[in-house]
């Protein structure tokens, strides 16, 4: 499966979930997203990883940095 196909599948799920969120408003459009994941394997000989998925399989660096920065700010706010 190529990165565009992966992106399309993730985006379909995100759109479905976003439409059910409390602050969703009619007409909201999902434009860009970054999904950071952590995967591990019970087999101790295999490594863990942090796969990252991008909208449309690629994203401008400044947008990815902006999204990740917003995520960090949100996490920091939740710690206070």
PDB file of N, CA and C in Angstrom:
ATOM      1  N   UNK A   1       0.849  -1.170   0.000  1.00  0.00           N
ATOM      2  CA  UNK A   1       0.000   0.000   0.000  1.00  0.00           C
ATOM      3  C   UNK A   1       0.902   1.243   0.000  1.00  0.00           C
ATOM      4  N   UNK A   2       0.647   2.176  -0.920  1.00  0.00           N
ATOM      5  CA  UNK A   2       1.492   3.372  -0.981  1.00  0.00           C
ATOM      6  C   UNK A   2       1.023   4.409   0.044  1.00  0.00           C
ATOM      7  N   UNK A   3       1.825   5.454   0.248  1.00  0.00           N
ATOM      8  CA  UNK A   3       1.553   6.441   1.294  1.00  0.00           C
ATOM      9  C   UNK A   3       0.244   7.193   1.069  1.00  0.00           C
ATOM     10  N   UNK A   4      -0.167   7.394  -0.170  1.00  0.00           N
ATOM     11  CA  UNK A   4      -1.427   8.079  -0.459  1.00  0.00           C
ATOM     12  C   UNK A   4      -2.615   7.208  -0.028  1.00  0.00           C
ATOM     13  N   UNK A   5      -2.529   5.910  -0.277  1.00  0.00           N
ATOM     14  CA  UNK A   5      -3.594   4.997   0.141  1.00  0.00           C
ATOM     15  C   UNK A   5      -3.709   4.946   1.668  1.00  0.00           C
ATOM     16  N   UNK A   6      -2.569   4.908   2.345  1.00  0.00           N
ATOM     17  CA  UNK A   6      -2.562   4.927   3.809  1.00  0.00           C
ATOM     18  C   UNK A   6      -3.195   6.223   4.297  1.00  0.00           C
ATOM     19  N   UNK A   7      -2.790   7.342   3.711  1.00  0.00           N
ATOM     20  CA  UNK A   7      -3.324   8.651   4.083  1.00  0.00           C
ATOM     21  C   UNK A   7      -4.834   8.687   3.909  1.00  0.00           C
ATOM     22  N   UNK A   8      -5.332   8.192   2.800  1.00  0.00           N
ATOM     23  CA  UNK A   8      -6.775   8.209   2.535  1.00  0.00           C
ATOM     24  C   UNK A   8      -7.547   7.421   3.599  1.00  0.00           C
ATOM     25  N   UNK A   9      -7.008   6.282   4.016  1.00  0.00           N
ATOM     26  CA  UNK A   9      -7.673   5.465   5.035  1.00  0.00           C
ATOM     27  C   UNK A   9      -7.682   6.170   6.391  1.00  0.00           C
ATOM     28  N   UNK A  10      -6.536   6.722   6.768  1.00  0.00           N
ATOM     29  CA  UNK A  10      -6.448   7.428   8.053  1.00  0.00           C
ATOM     30  C   UNK A  10      -7.364   8.645   8.029  1.00  0.00           C
ATOM     31  N   UNK A  11      -7.352   9.372   6.945  1.00  0.00           N
ATOM     32  CA  UNK A  11      -8.171  10.582   6.836  1.00  0.00           C
ATOM     33  C   UNK A  11      -9.666  10.266   6.912  1.00  0.00           C
ATOM     34  N   UNK A  12     -10.099   9.168   6.346  1.00  0.00           N
ATOM     35  CA  UNK A  12     -11.509   8.778   6.430  1.00  0.00           C
ATOM     36  C   UNK A  12     -11.921   8.561   7.880  1.00  0.00           C
ATOM     37  N   UNK A  13     -11.069   7.888   8.642  1.00  0.00           N
ATOM     38  CA  UNK A  13     -11.357   7.642  10.054  1.00  0.00           C
ATOM     39  C   UNK A  13     -11.326   8.951  10.837  1.00  0.00           C
ATOM     40  N   UNK A  14     -10.324   9.793  10.580  1.00  0.00           N
ATOM     41  CA  UNK A  14     -10.238  11.080  11.275  1.00  0.00           C
ATOM     42  C   UNK A  14     -11.469  11.942  11.010  1.00  0.00           C
ATOM     43  N   UNK A  15     -11.907  12.000   9.771  1.00  0.00           N
ATOM     44  CA  UNK A  15     -13.097  12.789   9.443  1.00  0.00           C
ATOM     45  C   UNK A  15     -14.324  12.273  10.179  1.00  0.00           C
ATOM     46  N   UNK A  16     -14.451  10.963  10.275  1.00  0.00           N
ATOM     47  CA  UNK A  16     -15.587  10.384  10.987  1.00  0.00           C
ATOM     48  C   UNK A  16     -15.538  10.748  12.475  1.00  0.00           C
ATOM     49  N   UNK A  17     -14.363  10.609  13.069  1.00  0.00           N
ATOM     50  CA  UNK A  17     -14.218  10.922  14.494  1.00  0.00           C
ATOM     51  C   UNK A  17     -14.380  12.413  14.771  1.00  0.00           C
ATOM     52  N   UNK A  18     -13.771  13.244  13.936  1.00  0.00           N
ATOM     53  CA  UNK A  18     -13.863  14.691  14.142  1.00  0.00           C
ATOM     54  C   UNK A  18     -15.301  15.175  14.084  1.00  0.00           C
ATOM     55  N   UNK A  19     -16.105  14.585  13.202  1.00  0.00           N
ATOM     56  CA  UNK A  19     -17.502  15.011  13.075  1.00  0.00           C
ATOM     57  C   UNK A  19     -18.318  14.683  14.318  1.00  0.00           C
ATOM     58  N   UNK A  20     -17.843  13.755  15.132  1.00  0.00           N
ATOM     59  CA  UNK A  20     -18.540  13.371  16.355  1.00  0.00           C
ATOM     60  C   UNK A  20     -18.041  14.118  17.585  1.00  0.00           C
ATOM     61  N   UNK A  21     -16.989  14.925  17.422  1.00  0.00           N
ATOM     62  CA  UNK A  21     -16.429  15.653  18.565  1.00  0.00           C
ATOM     63  C   UNK A  21     -17.298  16.846  18.927  1.00  0.00           C
ATOM     64  N   UNK A  22     -17.263  17.205  20.200  1.00  0.00           N
ATOM     65  CA  UNK A  22     -18.089  18.258  20.752  1.00  0.00           C
ATOM     66  C   UNK A  22     -17.936  19.605  20.048  1.00  0.00           C
ATOM     67  N   UNK A  23     -16.708  19.973  19.733  1.00  0.00           N
ATOM     68  CA  UNK A  23     -16.481  21.311  19.168  1.00  0.00           C
ATOM     69  C   UNK A  23     -16.508  21.341  17.635  1.00  0.00           C
ATOM     70  N   UNK A  24     -16.948  20.249  17.016  1.00  0.00           N
ATOM     71  CA  UNK A  24     -17.054  20.210  15.554  1.00  0.00           C
ATOM     72  C   UNK A  24     -18.222  21.070  15.094  1.00  0.00           C
ATOM     73  N   UNK A  25     -17.984  21.843  14.051  1.00  0.00           N
ATOM     74  CA  UNK A  25     -19.044  22.673  13.485  1.00  0.00           C
ATOM     75  C   UNK A  25     -19.270  22.289  12.035  1.00  0.00           C
ATOM     76  N   UNK A  26     -20.500  22.426  11.595  1.00  0.00           N
ATOM     77  CA  UNK A  26     -20.857  22.147  10.202  1.00  0.00           C
ATOM     78  C   UNK A  26     -19.935  22.943   9.279  1.00  0.00           C
ATOM     79  N   UNK A  27     -19.361  22.293   8.298  1.00  0.00           N
ATOM     80  CA  UNK A  27     -18.494  22.968   7.344  1.00  0.00           C
ATOM     81  C   UNK A  27     -17.010  22.868   7.669  1.00  0.00           C
ATOM     82  N   UNK A  28     -16.656  22.344   8.865  1.00  0.00           N
ATOM     83  CA  UNK A  28     -15.239  22.169   9.210  1.00  0.00           C
ATOM     84  C   UNK A  28     -14.597  21.186   8.237  1.00  0.00           C
ATOM     85  N   UNK A  29     -13.409  21.518   7.761  1.00  0.00           N
ATOM     86  CA  UNK A  29     -12.678  20.661   6.824  1.00  0.00           C
ATOM     87  C   UNK A  29     -11.334  20.267   7.413  1.00  0.00           C
ATOM     88  N   UNK A  30     -11.008  19.003   7.345  1.00  0.00           N
ATOM     89  CA  UNK A  30      -9.696  18.516   7.753  1.00  0.00           C
ATOM     90  C   UNK A  30      -8.723  18.846   6.632  1.00  0.00           C
ATOM     91  N   UNK A  31      -7.690  19.610   6.931  1.00  0.00           N
ATOM     92  CA  UNK A  31      -6.757  20.052   5.904  1.00  0.00           C
ATOM     93  C   UNK A  31      -5.445  19.270   5.991  1.00  0.00           C
ATOM     94  N   UNK A  32      -4.764  19.358   7.100  1.00  0.00           N
ATOM     95  CA  UNK A  32      -3.491  18.661   7.298  1.00  0.00           C
ATOM     96  C   UNK A  32      -3.515  17.961   8.641  1.00  0.00           C
ATOM     97  N   UNK A  33      -2.776  16.882   8.743  1.00  0.00           N
ATOM     98  CA  UNK A  33      -2.674  16.167  10.003  1.00  0.00           C
ATOM     99  C   UNK A  33      -1.358  15.400  10.059  1.00  0.00           C
ATOM    100  N   UNK A  34      -0.930  15.113  11.280  1.00  0.00           N
ATOM    101  CA  UNK A  34       0.236  14.270  11.550  1.00  0.00           C
ATOM    102  C   UNK A  34      -0.209  13.268  12.603  1.00  0.00           C
ATOM    103  N   UNK A  35       0.075  12.009  12.382  1.00  0.00           N
ATOM    104  CA  UNK A  35      -0.255  10.969  13.349  1.00  0.00           C
ATOM    105  C   UNK A  35       1.059  10.351  13.814  1.00  0.00           C
ATOM    106  N   UNK A  36       1.318  10.448  15.114  1.00  0.00           N
ATOM    107  CA  UNK A  36       2.521   9.868  15.708  1.00  0.00           C
ATOM    108  C   UNK A  36       2.090   8.635  16.473  1.00  0.00           C
ATOM    109  N   UNK A  37       2.725   7.537  16.217  1.00  0.00           N
ATOM    110  CA  UNK A  37       2.345   6.286  16.862  1.00  0.00           C
ATOM    111  C   UNK A  37       3.551   5.647  17.534  1.00  0.00           C
ATOM    112  N   UNK A  38       3.286   4.716  18.414  1.00  0.00           N
ATOM    113  CA  UNK A  38       4.339   3.909  19.029  1.00  0.00           C
ATOM    114  C   UNK A  38       3.945   2.458  18.829  1.00  0.00           C
ATOM    115  N   UNK A  39       4.829   1.678  18.261  1.00  0.00           N
ATOM    116  CA  UNK A  39       4.575   0.246  18.089  1.00  0.00           C
ATOM    117  C   UNK A  39       5.712  -0.542  18.723  1.00  0.00           C
ATOM    118  N   UNK A  40       5.342  -1.661  19.305  1.00  0.00           N
ATOM    119  CA  UNK A  40       6.338  -2.545  19.893  1.00  0.00           C
ATOM    120  C   UNK A  40       5.936  -3.978  19.561  1.00  0.00           C
ATOM    121  N   UNK A  41       6.811  -4.891  19.875  1.00  0.00           N
ATOM    122  CA  UNK A  41       6.569  -6.290  19.560  1.00  0.00           C
ATOM    123  C   UNK A  41       6.879  -7.110  20.805  1.00  0.00           C
ATOM    124  N   UNK A  42       6.028  -8.068  21.160  1.00  0.00           N
ATOM    125  CA  UNK A  42       6.313  -8.906  22.333  1.00  0.00           C
ATOM    126  C   UNK A  42       7.628  -9.679  22.194  1.00  0.00           C
ATOM    127  N   UNK A  43       8.063  -9.898  20.970  1.00  0.00           N
ATOM    128  CA  UNK A  43       9.344 -10.567  20.733  1.00  0.00           C
ATOM    129  C   UNK A  43      10.453  -9.586  21.089  1.00  0.00           C
ATOM    130  N   UNK A  44      11.154  -9.842  22.183  1.00  0.00           N
ATOM    131  CA  UNK A  44      12.185  -8.924  22.697  1.00  0.00           C
ATOM    132  C   UNK A  44      13.317  -8.667  21.700  1.00  0.00           C
ATOM    133  N   UNK A  45      13.487  -9.539  20.726  1.00  0.00           N
ATOM    134  CA  UNK A  45      14.550  -9.367  19.742  1.00  0.00           C
ATOM    135  C   UNK A  45      14.188  -8.349  18.668  1.00  0.00           C
ATOM    136  N   UNK A  46      12.902  -8.010  18.596  1.00  0.00           N
ATOM    137  CA  UNK A  46      12.463  -7.036  17.605  1.00  0.00           C
ATOM    138  C   UNK A  46      12.375  -5.673  18.265  1.00  0.00           C
ATOM    139  N   UNK A  47      12.611  -4.644  17.501  1.00  0.00           N
ATOM    140  CA  UNK A  47      12.668  -3.294  18.062  1.00  0.00           C
ATOM    141  C   UNK A  47      11.305  -2.623  18.087  1.00  0.00           C
ATOM    142  N   UNK A  48      11.211  -1.606  18.919  1.00  0.00           N
ATOM    143  CA  UNK A  48      10.043  -0.730  18.940  1.00  0.00           C
ATOM    144  C   UNK A  48      10.289   0.388  17.931  1.00  0.00           C
ATOM    145  N   UNK A  49       9.236   1.110  17.588  1.00  0.00           N
ATOM    146  CA  UNK A  49       9.386   2.182  16.606  1.00  0.00           C
ATOM    147  C   UNK A  49       8.323   3.255  16.836  1.00  0.00           C
ATOM    148  N   UNK A  50       8.530   4.398  16.225  1.00  0.00           N
ATOM    149  CA  UNK A  50       7.594   5.519  16.266  1.00  0.00           C
ATOM    150  C   UNK A  50       7.219   5.910  14.841  1.00  0.00           C
ATOM    151  N   UNK A  51       6.359   5.139  14.193  1.00  0.00           N
ATOM    152  CA  UNK A  51       5.957   5.514  12.835  1.00  0.00           C
ATOM    153  C   UNK A  51       5.161   6.825  12.858  1.00  0.00           C
ATOM    154  N   UNK A  52       5.408   7.648  11.859  1.00  0.00           N
ATOM    155  CA  UNK A  52       4.657   8.892  11.697  1.00  0.00           C
ATOM    156  C   UNK A  52       3.987   8.864  10.341  1.00  0.00           C
ATOM    157  N   UNK A  53       2.711   9.227  10.319  1.00  0.00           N
ATOM    158  CA  UNK A  53       1.945   9.271   9.089  1.00  0.00           C
ATOM    159  C   UNK A  53       1.555  10.720   8.831  1.00  0.00           C
ATOM    160  N   UNK A  54       1.607  11.116   7.564  1.00  0.00           N
ATOM    161  CA  UNK A  54       1.341  12.497   7.168  1.00  0.00           C
ATOM    162  C   UNK A  54       0.153  12.548   6.227  1.00  0.00           C
ATOM    163  N   UNK A  55      -0.590  13.641   6.281  1.00  0.00           N
ATOM    164  CA  UNK A  55      -1.693  13.797   5.345  1.00  0.00           C
ATOM    165  C   UNK A  55      -1.159  13.815   3.918  1.00  0.00           C
ATOM    166  N   UNK A  56      -1.834  13.108   3.047  1.00  0.00           N
ATOM    167  CA  UNK A  56      -1.467  12.978   1.635  1.00  0.00           C
ATOM    168  C   UNK A  56      -0.104  12.334   1.424  1.00  0.00           C
ATOM    169  N   UNK A  57       0.432  11.687   2.453  1.00  0.00           N
ATOM    170  CA  UNK A  57       1.710  10.999   2.332  1.00  0.00           C
ATOM    171  C   UNK A  57       2.907  11.916   2.440  1.00  0.00           C
ATOM    172  N   UNK A  58       2.683  13.214   2.408  1.00  0.00           N
ATOM    173  CA  UNK A  58       3.759  14.190   2.587  1.00  0.00           C
ATOM    174  C   UNK A  58       3.135  15.495   3.056  1.00  0.00           C
ATOM    175  N   UNK A  59       3.938  16.304   3.689  1.00  0.00           N
ATOM    176  CA  UNK A  59       3.436  17.560   4.244  1.00  0.00           C
ATOM    177  C   UNK A  59       4.607  18.539   4.285  1.00  0.00           C
ATOM    178  N   UNK A  60       4.369  19.823   4.037  1.00  0.00           N
ATOM    179  CA  UNK A  60       5.466  20.782   4.156  1.00  0.00           C
ATOM    180  C   UNK A  60       6.023  20.770   5.586  1.00  0.00           C
ATOM    181  N   UNK A  61       7.316  20.884   5.707  1.00  0.00           N
ATOM    182  CA  UNK A  61       7.974  20.801   7.018  1.00  0.00           C
ATOM    183  C   UNK A  61       7.399  21.829   7.986  1.00  0.00           C
ATOM    184  N   UNK A  62       7.153  23.049   7.535  1.00  0.00           N
ATOM    185  CA  UNK A  62       6.658  24.079   8.445  1.00  0.00           C
ATOM    186  C   UNK A  62       5.282  23.709   9.000  1.00  0.00           C
ATOM    187  N   UNK A  63       4.454  23.037   8.215  1.00  0.00           N
ATOM    188  CA  UNK A  63       3.135  22.621   8.712  1.00  0.00           C
ATOM    189  C   UNK A  63       3.270  21.484   9.720  1.00  0.00           C
ATOM    190  N   UNK A  64       4.125  20.510   9.413  1.00  0.00           N
ATOM    191  CA  UNK A  64       4.339  19.400  10.347  1.00  0.00           C
ATOM    192  C   UNK A  64       4.875  19.933  11.670  1.00  0.00           C
ATOM    193  N   UNK A  65       5.848  20.835  11.602  1.00  0.00           N
ATOM    194  CA  UNK A  65       6.399  21.415  12.829  1.00  0.00           C
ATOM    195  C   UNK A  65       5.336  22.182  13.599  1.00  0.00           C
ATOM    196  N   UNK A  66       4.495  22.909  12.894  1.00  0.00           N
ATOM    197  CA  UNK A  66       3.421  23.654  13.545  1.00  0.00           C
ATOM    198  C   UNK A  66       2.437  22.725  14.245  1.00  0.00           C
ATOM    199  N   UNK A  67       2.027  21.655  13.581  1.00  0.00           N
ATOM    200  CA  UNK A  67       1.104  20.701  14.184  1.00  0.00           C
ATOM    201  C   UNK A  67       1.720  20.022  15.405  1.00  0.00           C
ATOM    202  N   UNK A  68       2.972  19.617  15.281  1.00  0.00           N
ATOM    203  CA  UNK A  68       3.644  18.961  16.403  1.00  0.00           C
ATOM    204  C   UNK A  68       3.850  19.936  17.558  1.00  0.00           C
ATOM    205  N   UNK A  69       4.160  21.185  17.250  1.00  0.00           N
ATOM    206  CA  UNK A  69       4.339  22.214  18.287  1.00  0.00           C
ATOM    207  C   UNK A  69       3.021  22.444  19.036  1.00  0.00           C
ATOM    208  N   UNK A  70       1.915  22.519  18.296  1.00  0.00           N
ATOM    209  CA  UNK A  70       0.594  22.686  18.925  1.00  0.00           C
ATOM    210  C   UNK A  70       0.305  21.495  19.849  1.00  0.00           C
ATOM    211  N   UNK A  71       0.637  20.279  19.387  1.00  0.00           N
ATOM    212  CA  UNK A  71       0.440  19.090  20.211  1.00  0.00           C
ATOM    213  C   UNK A  71       1.233  19.170  21.504  1.00  0.00           C
ATOM    214  N   UNK A  72       2.493  19.604  21.412  1.00  0.00           N
ATOM    215  CA  UNK A  72       3.316  19.740  22.617  1.00  0.00           C
ATOM    216  C   UNK A  72       2.746  20.792  23.559  1.00  0.00           C
ATOM    217  N   UNK A  73       2.278  21.908  23.008  1.00  0.00           N
ATOM    218  CA  UNK A  73       1.687  22.958  23.838  1.00  0.00           C
ATOM    219  C   UNK A  73       0.445  22.426  24.558  1.00  0.00           C
ATOM    220  N   UNK A  74      -0.378  21.661  23.848  1.00  0.00           N
ATOM    221  CA  UNK A  74      -1.582  21.082  24.454  1.00  0.00           C
ATOM    222  C   UNK A  74      -1.223  20.118  25.582  1.00  0.00           C
ATOM    223  N   UNK A  75      -0.188  19.306  25.364  1.00  0.00           N
ATOM    224  CA  UNK A  75       0.249  18.390  26.408  1.00  0.00           C
ATOM    225  C   UNK A  75       0.775  19.152  27.622  1.00  0.00           C
ATOM    226  N   UNK A  76       1.568  20.182  27.383  1.00  0.00           N
ATOM    227  CA  UNK A  76       2.100  20.986  28.487  1.00  0.00           C
ATOM    228  C   UNK A  76       0.966  21.634  29.273  1.00  0.00           C
ATOM    229  N   UNK A  77      -0.050  22.131  28.574  1.00  0.00           N
ATOM    230  CA  UNK A  77      -1.192  22.750  29.241  1.00  0.00           C
ATOM    231  C   UNK A  77      -1.932  21.746  30.112  1.00  0.00           C
ATOM    232  N   UNK A  78      -2.023  20.505  29.645  1.00  0.00           N
ATOM    233  CA  UNK A  78      -2.747  19.491  30.422  1.00  0.00           C
ATOM    234  C   UNK A  78      -1.974  19.061  31.664  1.00  0.00           C
ATOM    235  N   UNK A  79      -0.666  19.320  31.683  1.00  0.00           N
ATOM    236  CA  UNK A  79       0.154  18.974  32.849  1.00  0.00           C
ATOM    237  C   UNK A  79       0.047  20.024  33.951  1.00  0.00           C
ATOM    238  N   UNK A  80      -0.404  21.198  33.601  1.00  0.00           N
ATOM    239  CA  UNK A  80      -0.466  22.294  34.591  1.00  0.00           C
ATOM    240  C   UNK A  80      -1.697  22.222  35.430  1.00  0.00           C
TER     241      UNK A  80
END
